[in-house]
Amino acid sequence: MQSSIIKPGLILDFDAVKRKMEGTVFAPALEGMKHVKSEEGEMLAMPFLDVCKLLLPVIDKFGAAMALVKSDIGGNITRLENKYLSNPSEFHLLYSMVRVEIEAKTSKASSSCTNGLLWLTRAMDFLVELFRNLLEHPDWTMSQACTDSYSKTLKKWHGWLASSSFALAMKLAPERKKFMDVVGGTGDIDLDIEKFCTTFSPLLEENHKFLASVGMDDLKAS
């Protein structure tokens, strides 16, 4: 008897996803994106976080250039996941974590889940913009694509130190063709990048709209 790998509201079976999915490094995340919303159209906590986790292997392919980005993303995923695990029924929906903190007036704390969701979403914005650049500007170097996407997404929220650190890290960016060959695997990398950008962007925009509705979308790094 064959059952679907992922059911709404359940944690992804990563090994099963990997066994089922072949092709580019994006394939598991693209599969996971189909399950991030409930039947009522609400963002589910663990399926969304699982998609973000499935993008960590993509970030790994950048090597040292993205070490800080990966660490930041991993930390925010863990923070939100721990909150979910503390009460899975209460925090089944992603935004319920934020609503609890808004009510308790703890949402602006640097260690809050609200802050974690905000910066996780911003980091994902950066990745979407980066891969959009790689798709739309085949003549750009990896460093150009990264720097431009950083300028359009994270830079305005970062202070001088974070911006300087990012600029230094970009000098370690891998050679573009080698990188694309690695992430392409056995699939159509251009097609999967396009799917990734067009499918993930609306989900991230939904996060921003919700955070803006509670006055938490414009926080800068402390």
N, C-alpha and C. Protein backbone atom coordinates (compact mmCIF):
# COMPACT_ATOMS: atom_id res chain seq x y z
N MET A 1 0.85 -1.20 0.00
CA MET A 1 0.00 0.00 0.00
C MET A 1 0.88 1.23 0.00
N GLN A 2 0.63 2.13 -0.93
CA GLN A 2 1.46 3.32 -1.06
C GLN A 2 0.74 4.53 -0.51
N SER A 3 1.40 5.28 0.33
CA SER A 3 0.81 6.49 0.88
C SER A 3 1.62 7.68 0.44
N SER A 4 1.03 8.85 0.48
CA SER A 4 1.76 10.05 0.08
C SER A 4 2.85 10.33 1.10
N ILE A 5 3.94 10.90 0.64
CA ILE A 5 5.08 11.20 1.51
C ILE A 5 4.72 12.24 2.54
N ILE A 6 3.98 13.24 2.11
CA ILE A 6 3.71 14.37 2.99
C ILE A 6 2.21 14.57 3.13
N LYS A 7 1.76 14.76 4.34
CA LYS A 7 0.37 15.10 4.58
C LYS A 7 0.32 16.44 5.27
N PRO A 8 -0.64 17.26 4.94
CA PRO A 8 -0.72 18.58 5.56
C PRO A 8 -0.66 18.49 7.08
N GLY A 9 0.21 19.35 7.66
CA GLY A 9 0.29 19.41 9.11
C GLY A 9 1.27 18.45 9.72
N LEU A 10 1.83 17.53 8.91
CA LEU A 10 2.79 16.58 9.44
C LEU A 10 4.20 16.96 9.04
N ILE A 11 5.16 16.57 9.87
CA ILE A 11 6.56 16.85 9.59
C ILE A 11 6.99 16.00 8.40
N LEU A 12 7.78 16.59 7.52
CA LEU A 12 8.23 15.87 6.33
C LEU A 12 9.14 14.70 6.71
N ASP A 13 9.02 13.61 5.98
CA ASP A 13 9.97 12.51 6.08
C ASP A 13 11.08 12.81 5.08
N PHE A 14 12.17 13.40 5.57
CA PHE A 14 13.22 13.86 4.67
C PHE A 14 13.82 12.73 3.84
N ASP A 15 14.03 11.57 4.48
CA ASP A 15 14.62 10.45 3.75
C ASP A 15 13.70 9.99 2.63
N ALA A 16 12.40 9.97 2.92
CA ALA A 16 11.44 9.56 1.89
C ALA A 16 11.41 10.56 0.75
N VAL A 17 11.48 11.84 1.10
CA VAL A 17 11.51 12.86 0.06
C VAL A 17 12.72 12.67 -0.84
N LYS A 18 13.88 12.45 -0.21
CA LYS A 18 15.11 12.30 -0.98
C LYS A 18 15.05 11.07 -1.88
N ARG A 19 14.45 9.99 -1.35
CA ARG A 19 14.36 8.78 -2.16
C ARG A 19 13.44 9.00 -3.36
N LYS A 20 12.37 9.73 -3.12
CA LYS A 20 11.37 9.92 -4.19
C LYS A 20 11.83 10.92 -5.23
N MET A 21 12.48 11.99 -4.74
CA MET A 21 12.81 13.08 -5.63
C MET A 21 14.19 12.91 -6.25
N GLU A 22 14.27 13.08 -7.54
CA GLU A 22 15.55 13.12 -8.22
C GLU A 22 15.58 14.41 -9.00
N GLY A 23 16.74 14.77 -9.48
CA GLY A 23 16.84 15.99 -10.27
C GLY A 23 17.72 17.01 -9.58
N THR A 24 17.28 18.25 -9.56
CA THR A 24 18.08 19.32 -9.00
C THR A 24 18.02 19.33 -7.48
N VAL A 25 18.89 20.13 -6.87
CA VAL A 25 18.92 20.24 -5.42
C VAL A 25 17.64 20.91 -4.88
N PHE A 26 16.89 21.56 -5.76
CA PHE A 26 15.64 22.22 -5.36
C PHE A 26 14.45 21.27 -5.26
N ALA A 27 14.57 20.09 -5.85
CA ALA A 27 13.42 19.20 -6.00
C ALA A 27 12.69 18.90 -4.68
N PRO A 28 13.39 18.54 -3.60
CA PRO A 28 12.66 18.27 -2.34
C PRO A 28 11.90 19.48 -1.82
N ALA A 29 12.50 20.67 -1.90
CA ALA A 29 11.83 21.88 -1.42
C ALA A 29 10.60 22.20 -2.27
N LEU A 30 10.71 21.99 -3.57
CA LEU A 30 9.56 22.24 -4.45
C LEU A 30 8.41 21.31 -4.11
N GLU A 31 8.72 20.08 -3.77
CA GLU A 31 7.68 19.13 -3.35
C GLU A 31 7.06 19.59 -2.04
N GLY A 32 7.92 20.02 -1.10
CA GLY A 32 7.43 20.45 0.20
C GLY A 32 6.53 21.67 0.14
N MET A 33 6.78 22.57 -0.81
CA MET A 33 5.98 23.79 -0.92
C MET A 33 4.52 23.52 -1.22
N LYS A 34 4.23 22.34 -1.75
CA LYS A 34 2.85 22.00 -2.07
C LYS A 34 2.01 21.77 -0.81
N HIS A 35 2.69 21.67 0.33
CA HIS A 35 2.00 21.24 1.55
C HIS A 35 2.10 22.23 2.70
N VAL A 36 2.51 23.47 2.41
CA VAL A 36 2.72 24.42 3.51
C VAL A 36 1.43 25.09 3.99
N LYS A 37 0.34 24.87 3.29
CA LYS A 37 -0.92 25.49 3.72
C LYS A 37 -1.98 24.44 4.06
N SER A 38 -2.82 24.81 5.01
CA SER A 38 -3.93 23.94 5.38
C SER A 38 -5.01 24.01 4.29
N GLU A 39 -6.00 23.17 4.42
CA GLU A 39 -7.11 23.19 3.46
C GLU A 39 -7.83 24.53 3.47
N GLU A 40 -7.72 25.23 4.60
CA GLU A 40 -8.36 26.55 4.72
C GLU A 40 -7.46 27.67 4.21
N GLY A 41 -6.27 27.30 3.75
CA GLY A 41 -5.35 28.29 3.18
C GLY A 41 -4.47 28.99 4.18
N GLU A 42 -4.34 28.41 5.40
CA GLU A 42 -3.49 29.02 6.42
C GLU A 42 -2.11 28.38 6.43
N MET A 43 -1.09 29.18 6.75
CA MET A 43 0.29 28.70 6.74
C MET A 43 0.53 27.76 7.92
N LEU A 44 0.98 26.56 7.61
CA LEU A 44 1.25 25.56 8.64
C LEU A 44 2.70 25.69 9.13
N ALA A 45 2.88 25.56 10.43
CA ALA A 45 4.20 25.82 11.03
C ALA A 45 5.28 24.86 10.53
N MET A 46 5.14 23.57 10.80
CA MET A 46 6.22 22.66 10.47
C MET A 46 6.43 22.46 8.98
N PRO A 47 5.38 22.36 8.17
CA PRO A 47 5.64 22.25 6.73
C PRO A 47 6.41 23.45 6.16
N PHE A 48 6.12 24.67 6.66
CA PHE A 48 6.89 25.84 6.19
C PHE A 48 8.34 25.73 6.64
N LEU A 49 8.54 25.39 7.91
CA LEU A 49 9.91 25.27 8.42
C LEU A 49 10.66 24.14 7.72
N ASP A 50 9.95 23.07 7.38
CA ASP A 50 10.60 21.96 6.67
C ASP A 50 11.09 22.39 5.29
N VAL A 51 10.32 23.21 4.61
CA VAL A 51 10.76 23.72 3.30
C VAL A 51 12.04 24.53 3.47
N CYS A 52 12.08 25.36 4.49
CA CYS A 52 13.29 26.16 4.75
C CYS A 52 14.48 25.25 5.04
N LYS A 53 14.22 24.17 5.79
CA LYS A 53 15.29 23.20 6.07
C LYS A 53 15.80 22.54 4.79
N LEU A 54 14.87 22.25 3.90
CA LEU A 54 15.24 21.58 2.66
C LEU A 54 16.06 22.48 1.73
N LEU A 55 16.10 23.78 2.06
CA LEU A 55 16.92 24.70 1.28
C LEU A 55 18.34 24.82 1.84
N LEU A 56 18.58 24.27 3.01
CA LEU A 56 19.92 24.32 3.59
C LEU A 56 20.97 23.61 2.72
N PRO A 57 20.63 22.46 2.10
CA PRO A 57 21.61 21.84 1.20
C PRO A 57 21.95 22.72 -0.01
N VAL A 58 21.00 23.54 -0.44
CA VAL A 58 21.28 24.49 -1.53
C VAL A 58 22.31 25.51 -1.06
N ILE A 59 22.11 26.03 0.15
CA ILE A 59 23.03 27.02 0.71
C ILE A 59 24.41 26.42 0.91
N ASP A 60 24.45 25.14 1.28
CA ASP A 60 25.73 24.45 1.48
C ASP A 60 26.62 24.52 0.24
N LYS A 61 25.99 24.52 -0.93
CA LYS A 61 26.76 24.50 -2.18
C LYS A 61 27.54 25.79 -2.40
N PHE A 62 27.20 26.84 -1.65
CA PHE A 62 27.94 28.10 -1.76
C PHE A 62 29.24 28.06 -0.95
N GLY A 63 29.37 27.07 -0.07
CA GLY A 63 30.57 26.97 0.74
C GLY A 63 30.67 28.08 1.77
N ALA A 64 31.91 28.55 2.00
CA ALA A 64 32.20 29.53 3.06
C ALA A 64 31.48 30.86 2.84
N ALA A 65 31.16 31.19 1.58
CA ALA A 65 30.52 32.48 1.29
C ALA A 65 29.19 32.63 2.01
N MET A 66 28.50 31.53 2.25
CA MET A 66 27.17 31.59 2.87
C MET A 66 27.14 31.00 4.27
N ALA A 67 28.30 30.85 4.88
CA ALA A 67 28.35 30.24 6.22
C ALA A 67 27.52 31.02 7.23
N LEU A 68 27.64 32.36 7.21
CA LEU A 68 26.89 33.18 8.16
C LEU A 68 25.39 33.13 7.88
N VAL A 69 25.04 33.15 6.60
CA VAL A 69 23.63 33.08 6.21
C VAL A 69 23.03 31.76 6.67
N LYS A 70 23.76 30.68 6.42
CA LYS A 70 23.26 29.36 6.81
C LYS A 70 23.08 29.26 8.33
N SER A 71 24.05 29.78 9.06
CA SER A 71 23.97 29.75 10.53
C SER A 71 22.75 30.53 11.04
N ASP A 72 22.51 31.68 10.43
CA ASP A 72 21.38 32.52 10.83
C ASP A 72 20.05 31.81 10.52
N ILE A 73 19.95 31.25 9.33
CA ILE A 73 18.73 30.54 8.93
C ILE A 73 18.50 29.34 9.85
N GLY A 74 19.55 28.55 10.08
CA GLY A 74 19.43 27.37 10.93
C GLY A 74 18.99 27.72 12.34
N GLY A 75 19.54 28.80 12.88
CA GLY A 75 19.18 29.23 14.23
C GLY A 75 17.73 29.64 14.34
N ASN A 76 17.23 30.35 13.33
CA ASN A 76 15.83 30.79 13.36
C ASN A 76 14.87 29.63 13.15
N ILE A 77 15.24 28.69 12.30
CA ILE A 77 14.41 27.49 12.13
C ILE A 77 14.31 26.74 13.46
N THR A 78 15.44 26.56 14.14
CA THR A 78 15.46 25.85 15.41
C THR A 78 14.60 26.56 16.46
N ARG A 79 14.70 27.88 16.52
CA ARG A 79 13.90 28.65 17.49
C ARG A 79 12.41 28.43 17.26
N LEU A 80 11.98 28.52 16.02
CA LEU A 80 10.57 28.35 15.70
C LEU A 80 10.12 26.90 15.89
N GLU A 81 10.98 25.98 15.53
CA GLU A 81 10.65 24.56 15.67
C GLU A 81 10.50 24.19 17.14
N ASN A 82 11.37 24.71 17.99
CA ASN A 82 11.27 24.43 19.42
C ASN A 82 9.97 24.97 20.01
N LYS A 83 9.55 26.13 19.53
CA LYS A 83 8.28 26.71 19.98
C LYS A 83 7.12 25.80 19.56
N TYR A 84 7.15 25.35 18.31
CA TYR A 84 6.12 24.44 17.82
C TYR A 84 6.07 23.17 18.67
N LEU A 85 7.23 22.59 18.93
CA LEU A 85 7.30 21.33 19.67
C LEU A 85 6.87 21.47 21.11
N SER A 86 6.92 22.70 21.64
CA SER A 86 6.48 22.93 23.02
C SER A 86 4.98 22.75 23.17
N ASN A 87 4.25 22.93 22.06
CA ASN A 87 2.79 22.74 22.10
C ASN A 87 2.28 22.63 20.65
N PRO A 88 2.46 21.45 20.03
CA PRO A 88 2.11 21.28 18.62
C PRO A 88 0.67 21.64 18.27
N SER A 89 -0.26 21.39 19.18
CA SER A 89 -1.65 21.71 18.84
C SER A 89 -1.89 23.22 18.86
N GLU A 90 -1.28 23.92 19.81
CA GLU A 90 -1.45 25.37 19.89
C GLU A 90 -0.73 26.09 18.75
N PHE A 91 0.44 25.55 18.36
CA PHE A 91 1.27 26.23 17.37
C PHE A 91 1.29 25.51 16.03
N HIS A 92 0.20 24.82 15.75
CA HIS A 92 0.03 24.11 14.47
C HIS A 92 0.13 25.10 13.29
N LEU A 93 -0.44 26.29 13.48
CA LEU A 93 -0.38 27.33 12.46
C LEU A 93 0.80 28.25 12.75
N LEU A 94 1.54 28.61 11.72
CA LEU A 94 2.77 29.38 11.87
C LEU A 94 2.55 30.70 12.60
N TYR A 95 1.50 31.42 12.23
CA TYR A 95 1.31 32.76 12.79
C TYR A 95 0.81 32.75 14.24
N SER A 96 0.39 31.58 14.72
CA SER A 96 -0.07 31.51 16.12
C SER A 96 1.08 31.81 17.08
N MET A 97 2.30 31.48 16.68
CA MET A 97 3.46 31.77 17.53
C MET A 97 3.62 33.28 17.72
N VAL A 98 3.39 34.01 16.64
CA VAL A 98 3.51 35.47 16.68
C VAL A 98 2.37 36.07 17.49
N ARG A 99 1.15 35.59 17.27
CA ARG A 99 0.00 36.16 17.97
C ARG A 99 0.13 36.03 19.49
N VAL A 100 0.67 34.90 19.95
CA VAL A 100 0.88 34.70 21.39
C VAL A 100 1.86 35.73 21.93
N GLU A 101 2.92 36.00 21.17
CA GLU A 101 3.93 36.96 21.62
C GLU A 101 3.42 38.40 21.55
N ILE A 102 2.61 38.69 20.55
CA ILE A 102 2.02 40.03 20.45
C ILE A 102 1.15 40.30 21.68
N GLU A 103 0.36 39.29 22.04
CA GLU A 103 -0.53 39.43 23.19
C GLU A 103 0.27 39.60 24.49
N ALA A 104 1.40 38.88 24.57
CA ALA A 104 2.23 38.93 25.78
C ALA A 104 3.21 40.10 25.77
N LYS A 105 3.20 40.86 24.64
CA LYS A 105 4.10 42.00 24.48
C LYS A 105 5.58 41.60 24.55
N THR A 106 5.89 40.41 23.99
CA THR A 106 7.28 39.94 23.95
C THR A 106 7.79 39.81 22.51
N SER A 107 6.99 40.26 21.55
CA SER A 107 7.33 40.04 20.14
C SER A 107 8.58 40.77 19.67
N LYS A 108 8.91 41.89 20.32
CA LYS A 108 10.06 42.68 19.87
C LYS A 108 11.38 42.23 20.49
N ALA A 109 11.34 41.26 21.37
CA ALA A 109 12.57 40.74 21.95
C ALA A 109 13.42 40.06 20.87
N SER A 110 14.73 40.21 20.99
CA SER A 110 15.61 39.65 19.95
C SER A 110 15.51 38.14 19.86
N SER A 111 15.09 37.50 20.96
CA SER A 111 14.99 36.04 20.99
C SER A 111 13.57 35.54 20.69
N SER A 112 12.68 36.43 20.30
CA SER A 112 11.28 36.03 20.07
C SER A 112 11.12 35.23 18.78
N CYS A 113 10.05 34.46 18.73
CA CYS A 113 9.73 33.73 17.50
C CYS A 113 9.29 34.70 16.40
N THR A 114 8.70 35.81 16.79
CA THR A 114 8.32 36.84 15.81
C THR A 114 9.56 37.34 15.09
N ASN A 115 10.59 37.64 15.87
CA ASN A 115 11.85 38.08 15.30
C ASN A 115 12.48 36.98 14.44
N GLY A 116 12.36 35.74 14.91
CA GLY A 116 12.89 34.61 14.16
C GLY A 116 12.20 34.44 12.82
N LEU A 117 10.87 34.55 12.81
CA LEU A 117 10.13 34.42 11.56
C LEU A 117 10.47 35.56 10.60
N LEU A 118 10.60 36.76 11.14
CA LEU A 118 10.93 37.92 10.31
C LEU A 118 12.26 37.73 9.61
N TRP A 119 13.29 37.36 10.36
CA TRP A 119 14.62 37.22 9.75
C TRP A 119 14.75 35.97 8.90
N LEU A 120 14.01 34.93 9.23
CA LEU A 120 13.99 33.75 8.37
C LEU A 120 13.37 34.10 7.02
N THR A 121 12.28 34.84 7.06
CA THR A 121 11.61 35.24 5.82
C THR A 121 12.51 36.15 5.00
N ARG A 122 13.20 37.07 5.65
CA ARG A 122 14.11 37.97 4.92
C ARG A 122 15.26 37.20 4.28
N ALA A 123 15.79 36.20 4.99
CA ALA A 123 16.87 35.39 4.43
C ALA A 123 16.37 34.61 3.21
N MET A 124 15.14 34.13 3.28
CA MET A 124 14.56 33.42 2.14
C MET A 124 14.30 34.38 0.97
N ASP A 125 13.93 35.63 1.28
CA ASP A 125 13.80 36.66 0.24
C ASP A 125 15.12 36.80 -0.52
N PHE A 126 16.20 36.83 0.26
CA PHE A 126 17.54 36.97 -0.33
C PHE A 126 17.83 35.80 -1.28
N LEU A 127 17.51 34.57 -0.85
CA LEU A 127 17.76 33.41 -1.70
C LEU A 127 16.95 33.46 -2.98
N VAL A 128 15.68 33.83 -2.85
CA VAL A 128 14.82 33.93 -4.04
C VAL A 128 15.39 34.95 -5.02
N GLU A 129 15.78 36.11 -4.51
CA GLU A 129 16.31 37.16 -5.36
C GLU A 129 17.63 36.74 -6.00
N LEU A 130 18.44 36.02 -5.24
CA LEU A 130 19.73 35.54 -5.76
C LEU A 130 19.52 34.59 -6.93
N PHE A 131 18.63 33.64 -6.76
CA PHE A 131 18.42 32.67 -7.84
C PHE A 131 17.67 33.30 -9.02
N ARG A 132 16.86 34.30 -8.74
CA ARG A 132 16.24 35.03 -9.83
C ARG A 132 17.32 35.74 -10.66
N ASN A 133 18.29 36.31 -9.98
CA ASN A 133 19.40 36.97 -10.66
C ASN A 133 20.19 35.99 -11.52
N LEU A 134 20.45 34.80 -10.98
CA LEU A 134 21.20 33.79 -11.74
C LEU A 134 20.43 33.36 -12.98
N LEU A 135 19.11 33.36 -12.87
CA LEU A 135 18.28 32.97 -14.01
C LEU A 135 18.22 34.08 -15.06
N GLU A 136 18.05 35.32 -14.60
CA GLU A 136 17.81 36.44 -15.51
C GLU A 136 19.09 37.12 -16.01
N HIS A 137 20.20 36.88 -15.35
CA HIS A 137 21.46 37.54 -15.74
C HIS A 137 22.57 36.50 -15.93
N PRO A 138 22.52 35.76 -17.03
CA PRO A 138 23.49 34.69 -17.25
C PRO A 138 24.93 35.18 -17.38
N ASP A 139 25.09 36.48 -17.61
CA ASP A 139 26.44 37.03 -17.77
C ASP A 139 27.05 37.48 -16.43
N TRP A 140 26.26 37.50 -15.37
CA TRP A 140 26.75 37.96 -14.07
C TRP A 140 27.61 36.89 -13.40
N THR A 141 28.62 37.35 -12.66
CA THR A 141 29.37 36.43 -11.81
C THR A 141 28.52 36.11 -10.58
N MET A 142 28.91 35.07 -9.86
CA MET A 142 28.18 34.72 -8.65
C MET A 142 28.24 35.87 -7.64
N SER A 143 29.40 36.51 -7.55
CA SER A 143 29.55 37.62 -6.61
C SER A 143 28.60 38.77 -6.97
N GLN A 144 28.47 39.07 -8.26
CA GLN A 144 27.54 40.12 -8.70
C GLN A 144 26.10 39.77 -8.33
N ALA A 145 25.72 38.52 -8.61
CA ALA A 145 24.35 38.08 -8.32
C ALA A 145 24.05 38.16 -6.83
N CYS A 146 25.02 37.75 -6.01
CA CYS A 146 24.83 37.78 -4.56
C CYS A 146 24.74 39.21 -4.02
N THR A 147 25.66 40.05 -4.49
CA THR A 147 25.70 41.43 -4.00
C THR A 147 24.45 42.20 -4.38
N ASP A 148 23.97 42.01 -5.61
CA ASP A 148 22.76 42.69 -6.05
C ASP A 148 21.55 42.23 -5.24
N SER A 149 21.43 40.93 -5.01
CA SER A 149 20.28 40.41 -4.26
C SER A 149 20.34 40.86 -2.80
N TYR A 150 21.54 40.95 -2.25
CA TYR A 150 21.69 41.45 -0.89
C TYR A 150 21.24 42.90 -0.79
N SER A 151 21.63 43.70 -1.78
CA SER A 151 21.24 45.12 -1.80
C SER A 151 19.73 45.29 -1.86
N LYS A 152 19.05 44.37 -2.55
CA LYS A 152 17.60 44.48 -2.73
C LYS A 152 16.80 43.91 -1.56
N THR A 153 17.45 43.13 -0.72
CA THR A 153 16.70 42.45 0.35
C THR A 153 17.22 42.78 1.75
N LEU A 154 18.33 42.22 2.13
CA LEU A 154 18.79 42.29 3.51
C LEU A 154 19.50 43.59 3.90
N LYS A 155 20.14 44.23 2.94
CA LYS A 155 21.04 45.33 3.27
C LYS A 155 20.37 46.46 4.07
N LYS A 156 19.15 46.82 3.69
CA LYS A 156 18.50 47.96 4.37
C LYS A 156 18.15 47.66 5.82
N TRP A 157 18.17 46.38 6.18
CA TRP A 157 17.84 46.00 7.55
C TRP A 157 19.08 45.77 8.39
N HIS A 158 20.24 45.74 7.75
CA HIS A 158 21.49 45.45 8.45
C HIS A 158 22.24 46.72 8.81
N GLY A 159 23.03 46.63 9.85
CA GLY A 159 23.92 47.72 10.21
C GLY A 159 25.22 47.63 9.43
N TRP A 160 26.14 48.53 9.73
CA TRP A 160 27.40 48.59 9.00
C TRP A 160 28.21 47.30 9.14
N LEU A 161 28.26 46.76 10.35
CA LEU A 161 29.08 45.58 10.59
C LEU A 161 28.60 44.38 9.79
N ALA A 162 27.29 44.14 9.81
CA ALA A 162 26.74 43.01 9.07
C ALA A 162 26.95 43.18 7.57
N SER A 163 26.77 44.40 7.07
CA SER A 163 26.97 44.67 5.65
C SER A 163 28.42 44.45 5.25
N SER A 164 29.33 44.88 6.10
CA SER A 164 30.76 44.70 5.82
C SER A 164 31.14 43.22 5.82
N SER A 165 30.58 42.49 6.77
CA SER A 165 30.85 41.05 6.85
C SER A 165 30.35 40.33 5.60
N PHE A 166 29.18 40.75 5.13
CA PHE A 166 28.62 40.13 3.93
C PHE A 166 29.51 40.42 2.72
N ALA A 167 29.96 41.66 2.59
CA ALA A 167 30.82 42.04 1.47
C ALA A 167 32.09 41.20 1.44
N LEU A 168 32.66 40.96 2.61
CA LEU A 168 33.87 40.12 2.69
C LEU A 168 33.57 38.67 2.31
N ALA A 169 32.42 38.17 2.79
CA ALA A 169 32.05 36.78 2.51
C ALA A 169 31.86 36.55 1.01
N MET A 170 31.35 37.55 0.32
CA MET A 170 31.08 37.39 -1.11
C MET A 170 32.34 37.19 -1.94
N LYS A 171 33.46 37.56 -1.37
CA LYS A 171 34.73 37.32 -2.07
C LYS A 171 35.05 35.83 -2.13
N LEU A 172 34.33 35.05 -1.30
CA LEU A 172 34.53 33.60 -1.28
C LEU A 172 33.48 32.87 -2.13
N ALA A 173 32.65 33.62 -2.83
CA ALA A 173 31.58 33.01 -3.64
C ALA A 173 32.17 32.06 -4.68
N PRO A 174 31.53 30.92 -4.89
CA PRO A 174 32.05 29.93 -5.85
C PRO A 174 31.93 30.41 -7.30
N GLU A 175 32.67 29.77 -8.16
CA GLU A 175 32.58 30.08 -9.59
C GLU A 175 31.20 29.65 -10.09
N ARG A 176 30.59 30.52 -10.85
CA ARG A 176 29.18 30.34 -11.22
C ARG A 176 28.89 29.02 -11.94
N LYS A 177 29.65 28.71 -12.97
CA LYS A 177 29.34 27.52 -13.76
C LYS A 177 29.47 26.25 -12.93
N LYS A 178 30.52 26.17 -12.12
CA LYS A 178 30.69 24.99 -11.28
C LYS A 178 29.52 24.85 -10.30
N PHE A 179 29.12 25.97 -9.74
CA PHE A 179 28.00 25.96 -8.80
C PHE A 179 26.73 25.46 -9.48
N MET A 180 26.42 25.98 -10.65
CA MET A 180 25.19 25.59 -11.35
C MET A 180 25.22 24.12 -11.74
N ASP A 181 26.40 23.61 -12.10
CA ASP A 181 26.52 22.19 -12.43
C ASP A 181 26.22 21.33 -11.20
N VAL A 182 26.71 21.78 -10.03
CA VAL A 182 26.51 21.02 -8.80
C VAL A 182 25.04 21.01 -8.39
N VAL A 183 24.39 22.19 -8.40
CA VAL A 183 23.00 22.24 -7.96
C VAL A 183 22.04 21.66 -9.00
N GLY A 184 22.49 21.59 -10.24
CA GLY A 184 21.62 21.09 -11.30
C GLY A 184 21.35 19.60 -11.22
N GLY A 185 22.33 18.84 -10.74
CA GLY A 185 22.14 17.40 -10.62
C GLY A 185 21.71 16.78 -11.93
N THR A 186 20.63 15.99 -11.89
CA THR A 186 20.14 15.31 -13.08
C THR A 186 18.89 15.98 -13.66
N GLY A 187 18.57 17.18 -13.14
CA GLY A 187 17.34 17.84 -13.58
C GLY A 187 17.58 19.07 -14.42
N ASP A 188 16.50 19.79 -14.69
CA ASP A 188 16.54 21.04 -15.45
C ASP A 188 16.65 22.18 -14.45
N ILE A 189 17.87 22.67 -14.24
CA ILE A 189 18.10 23.65 -13.18
C ILE A 189 17.37 24.96 -13.45
N ASP A 190 17.35 25.42 -14.69
CA ASP A 190 16.66 26.68 -14.99
C ASP A 190 15.17 26.58 -14.69
N LEU A 191 14.57 25.46 -15.05
CA LEU A 191 13.14 25.25 -14.80
C LEU A 191 12.85 25.21 -13.30
N ASP A 192 13.70 24.51 -12.54
CA ASP A 192 13.47 24.40 -11.11
C ASP A 192 13.72 25.73 -10.39
N ILE A 193 14.68 26.50 -10.86
CA ILE A 193 14.91 27.83 -10.27
C ILE A 193 13.69 28.71 -10.51
N GLU A 194 13.15 28.65 -11.71
CA GLU A 194 11.95 29.45 -12.02
C GLU A 194 10.78 29.02 -11.13
N LYS A 195 10.59 27.71 -10.97
CA LYS A 195 9.52 27.20 -10.10
C LYS A 195 9.74 27.65 -8.66
N PHE A 196 10.98 27.58 -8.21
CA PHE A 196 11.32 27.97 -6.84
C PHE A 196 10.97 29.43 -6.61
N CYS A 197 11.37 30.30 -7.51
CA CYS A 197 11.12 31.73 -7.34
C CYS A 197 9.63 32.06 -7.39
N THR A 198 8.93 31.49 -8.36
CA THR A 198 7.51 31.83 -8.54
C THR A 198 6.62 31.19 -7.47
N THR A 199 7.04 30.06 -6.92
CA THR A 199 6.22 29.37 -5.91
C THR A 199 6.49 29.88 -4.51
N PHE A 200 7.75 30.16 -4.21
CA PHE A 200 8.11 30.54 -2.85
C PHE A 200 7.82 32.02 -2.56
N SER A 201 7.99 32.87 -3.57
CA SER A 201 7.79 34.32 -3.36
C SER A 201 6.43 34.66 -2.75
N PRO A 202 5.32 34.12 -3.25
CA PRO A 202 4.01 34.46 -2.66
C PRO A 202 3.88 34.02 -1.20
N LEU A 203 4.52 32.92 -0.84
CA LEU A 203 4.47 32.46 0.55
C LEU A 203 5.23 33.42 1.46
N LEU A 204 6.38 33.89 0.98
CA LEU A 204 7.16 34.84 1.76
C LEU A 204 6.43 36.18 1.86
N GLU A 205 5.78 36.57 0.78
CA GLU A 205 5.01 37.82 0.78
C GLU A 205 3.86 37.75 1.78
N GLU A 206 3.29 36.57 1.90
CA GLU A 206 2.20 36.38 2.87
C GLU A 206 2.72 36.57 4.29
N ASN A 207 3.93 36.04 4.55
CA ASN A 207 4.55 36.25 5.87
C ASN A 207 4.74 37.75 6.13
N HIS A 208 5.26 38.46 5.14
CA HIS A 208 5.49 39.90 5.30
C HIS A 208 4.19 40.65 5.57
N LYS A 209 3.15 40.29 4.86
CA LYS A 209 1.85 40.97 5.04
C LYS A 209 1.32 40.73 6.45
N PHE A 210 1.46 39.51 6.93
CA PHE A 210 1.00 39.22 8.29
C PHE A 210 1.83 40.00 9.31
N LEU A 211 3.15 39.95 9.16
CA LEU A 211 4.03 40.66 10.10
C LEU A 211 3.76 42.16 10.06
N ALA A 212 3.49 42.69 8.88
CA ALA A 212 3.17 44.12 8.76
C ALA A 212 1.86 44.44 9.47
N SER A 213 0.92 43.51 9.42
CA SER A 213 -0.40 43.74 10.04
C SER A 213 -0.31 43.84 11.56
N VAL A 214 0.77 43.29 12.13
CA VAL A 214 0.96 43.38 13.58
C VAL A 214 2.12 44.32 13.92
N GLY A 215 2.55 45.11 12.93
CA GLY A 215 3.57 46.13 13.15
C GLY A 215 4.97 45.58 13.38
N MET A 216 5.26 44.40 12.78
CA MET A 216 6.55 43.77 13.04
C MET A 216 7.36 43.47 11.78
N ASP A 217 7.07 44.16 10.69
CA ASP A 217 7.78 43.85 9.43
C ASP A 217 8.92 44.82 9.13
N ASP A 218 9.11 45.83 9.97
CA ASP A 218 10.11 46.83 9.63
C ASP A 218 11.22 46.96 10.69
N LEU A 219 11.40 45.91 11.48
CA LEU A 219 12.44 45.94 12.51
C LEU A 219 13.82 45.82 11.88
N LYS A 220 14.76 46.61 12.36
CA LYS A 220 16.13 46.53 11.88
C LYS A 220 16.95 45.70 12.86
N ALA A 221 18.12 45.26 12.38
CA ALA A 221 19.00 44.48 13.25
C ALA A 221 19.42 45.34 14.43
N SER A 222 19.44 44.72 15.61
CA SER A 222 19.79 45.48 16.82
C SER A 222 21.30 45.67 16.90
